[in-house]
Amino acid sequence: MKTNTPAELTAVSAQFLTFTTQFLTCTKAQYQQQNLVKANTQGFQLLFLLKQQGGSFTMSELAGQLHTTKQQLTRLVNALEEKRLVMRSHDTKNRRLVYVSITPEGIDAMEQLKE
């Protein structure tokens, strides 16, 4: 069995560290592209609520159920709407009421997170 010199061990260690760092960076980037919503976030909680309860909820109802302010919920819904995971619709009789519902893409994202 060959004994490696300290210089050889240092060189191999440095190459391995470089490889590991590059591999983790690539893996992380790919994972972030695939996952639109991370588990244990308010976005996940919102999608989970919409998927489990079905139907549409007003922004006020959702803010109450998520124990958050309407302003924070608006930012959250904006972000999820950009990713096409939820959609807003206005009440036909009262335009001030805004309903939020999960889209088919949102349901798919939740199924992926479940796996």
Protein backbone atom coordinates (compact mmCIF):
# COMPACT_ATOMS: atom_id res chain seq x y z
CA MET A 1 0.00 0.00 0.00
CA LYS A 2 1.39 3.36 -1.08
CA THR A 3 1.70 6.11 1.49
CA ASN A 4 0.78 9.54 0.19
CA THR A 5 2.85 12.54 1.06
CA PRO A 6 1.24 15.45 2.94
CA ALA A 7 1.45 17.55 -0.23
CA GLU A 8 -0.44 14.90 -2.24
CA LEU A 9 -3.11 14.61 0.44
CA THR A 10 -3.53 18.38 0.51
CA ALA A 11 -3.89 18.53 -3.28
CA VAL A 12 -6.48 15.72 -3.36
CA SER A 13 -8.38 17.31 -0.46
CA ALA A 14 -8.48 20.65 -2.27
CA GLN A 15 -9.76 19.04 -5.48
CA PHE A 16 -12.41 17.11 -3.56
CA LEU A 17 -13.55 20.26 -1.74
CA THR A 18 -13.80 22.15 -5.04
CA PHE A 19 -15.81 19.32 -6.61
CA THR A 20 -18.14 19.06 -3.60
CA THR A 21 -18.78 22.82 -3.57
CA GLN A 22 -19.58 22.91 -7.29
CA PHE A 23 -21.83 19.86 -7.02
CA LEU A 24 -23.82 21.33 -4.11
CA THR A 25 -24.15 24.67 -5.90
CA CYS A 26 -25.55 22.98 -9.03
CA THR A 27 -27.87 20.78 -6.98
CA LYS A 28 -29.19 23.73 -4.98
CA ALA A 29 -29.87 25.78 -8.13
CA GLN A 30 -31.73 22.89 -9.74
CA TYR A 31 -33.76 22.26 -6.57
CA GLN A 32 -34.75 25.93 -6.30
CA GLN A 33 -35.91 25.96 -9.92
CA GLN A 34 -38.05 22.87 -9.42
CA ASN A 35 -39.65 23.93 -6.14
CA LEU A 36 -41.78 27.00 -6.42
CA VAL A 37 -42.81 26.93 -2.78
CA LYS A 38 -40.85 25.65 0.18
CA ALA A 39 -42.55 23.62 2.90
CA ASN A 40 -43.11 25.34 6.25
CA THR A 41 -43.54 28.79 4.74
CA GLN A 42 -46.63 30.97 4.67
CA GLY A 43 -46.91 30.28 0.95
CA PHE A 44 -47.05 26.57 1.65
CA GLN A 45 -49.62 27.13 4.42
CA LEU A 46 -51.76 29.22 2.09
CA LEU A 47 -51.63 26.64 -0.70
CA PHE A 48 -52.31 23.83 1.78
CA LEU A 49 -55.36 25.65 3.13
CA LEU A 50 -56.73 26.40 -0.34
CA LYS A 51 -56.16 22.82 -1.51
CA GLN A 52 -57.65 21.15 1.58
CA GLN A 53 -60.66 23.44 1.96
CA GLY A 54 -61.36 23.75 -1.76
CA GLY A 55 -63.15 26.67 -3.29
CA SER A 56 -62.24 30.33 -2.92
CA PHE A 57 -61.65 32.44 0.14
CA THR A 58 -61.70 36.19 0.55
CA MET A 59 -58.49 37.92 1.46
CA SER A 60 -59.97 38.76 4.89
CA GLU A 61 -60.87 35.12 5.56
CA LEU A 62 -57.39 33.97 4.57
CA ALA A 63 -55.69 36.64 6.68
CA GLY A 64 -57.71 35.49 9.67
CA GLN A 65 -56.99 31.81 9.15
CA LEU A 66 -53.27 32.39 8.58
CA HIS A 67 -53.04 34.87 11.48
CA THR A 68 -51.40 37.51 9.32
CA THR A 69 -52.20 41.04 8.21
CA LYS A 70 -53.96 41.80 4.95
CA GLN A 71 -50.88 43.71 3.78
CA GLN A 72 -48.60 40.70 4.33
CA LEU A 73 -51.16 38.43 2.68
CA THR A 74 -51.33 40.74 -0.35
CA ARG A 75 -47.56 40.45 -0.86
CA LEU A 76 -47.76 36.69 -0.45
CA VAL A 77 -50.64 36.32 -2.91
CA ASN A 78 -48.83 38.60 -5.39
CA ALA A 79 -45.77 36.33 -5.27
CA LEU A 80 -47.84 33.14 -5.64
CA GLU A 81 -49.88 34.70 -8.42
CA GLU A 82 -46.69 35.54 -10.35
CA LYS A 83 -45.77 31.86 -10.13
CA ARG A 84 -49.32 30.98 -11.27
CA LEU A 85 -50.00 28.95 -8.13
CA VAL A 86 -53.07 30.98 -7.09
CA MET A 87 -55.47 33.31 -8.83
CA ARG A 88 -57.64 36.19 -7.74
CA SER A 89 -61.17 36.91 -8.80
CA HIS A 90 -63.58 39.70 -7.89
CA ASP A 91 -67.10 39.15 -6.63
CA THR A 92 -69.60 39.95 -9.38
CA LYS A 93 -71.92 41.85 -7.02
CA ASN A 94 -69.34 43.50 -4.78
CA ARG A 95 -66.09 44.35 -6.58
CA ARG A 96 -64.41 45.13 -3.24
CA LEU A 97 -64.45 41.42 -2.37
CA VAL A 98 -61.44 39.61 -3.78
CA TYR A 99 -61.39 35.82 -3.76
CA VAL A 100 -58.24 33.70 -3.90
CA SER A 101 -58.22 30.14 -5.20
CA ILE A 102 -55.56 27.58 -6.01
CA THR A 103 -54.73 26.91 -9.67
CA PRO A 104 -54.01 23.52 -11.25
CA GLU A 105 -50.31 24.49 -11.18
CA GLY A 106 -50.64 25.14 -7.44
CA ILE A 107 -52.19 21.71 -6.92
CA ASP A 108 -49.32 20.14 -8.88
CA ALA A 109 -46.77 22.02 -6.75
CA MET A 110 -48.43 20.72 -3.59
CA GLU A 111 -48.37 17.17 -4.95
CA GLN A 112 -44.65 17.52 -5.66
CA LEU A 113 -44.01 18.79 -2.13
CA LYS A 114 -45.96 15.86 -0.73
CA GLU A 115 -43.61 13.45 -2.49
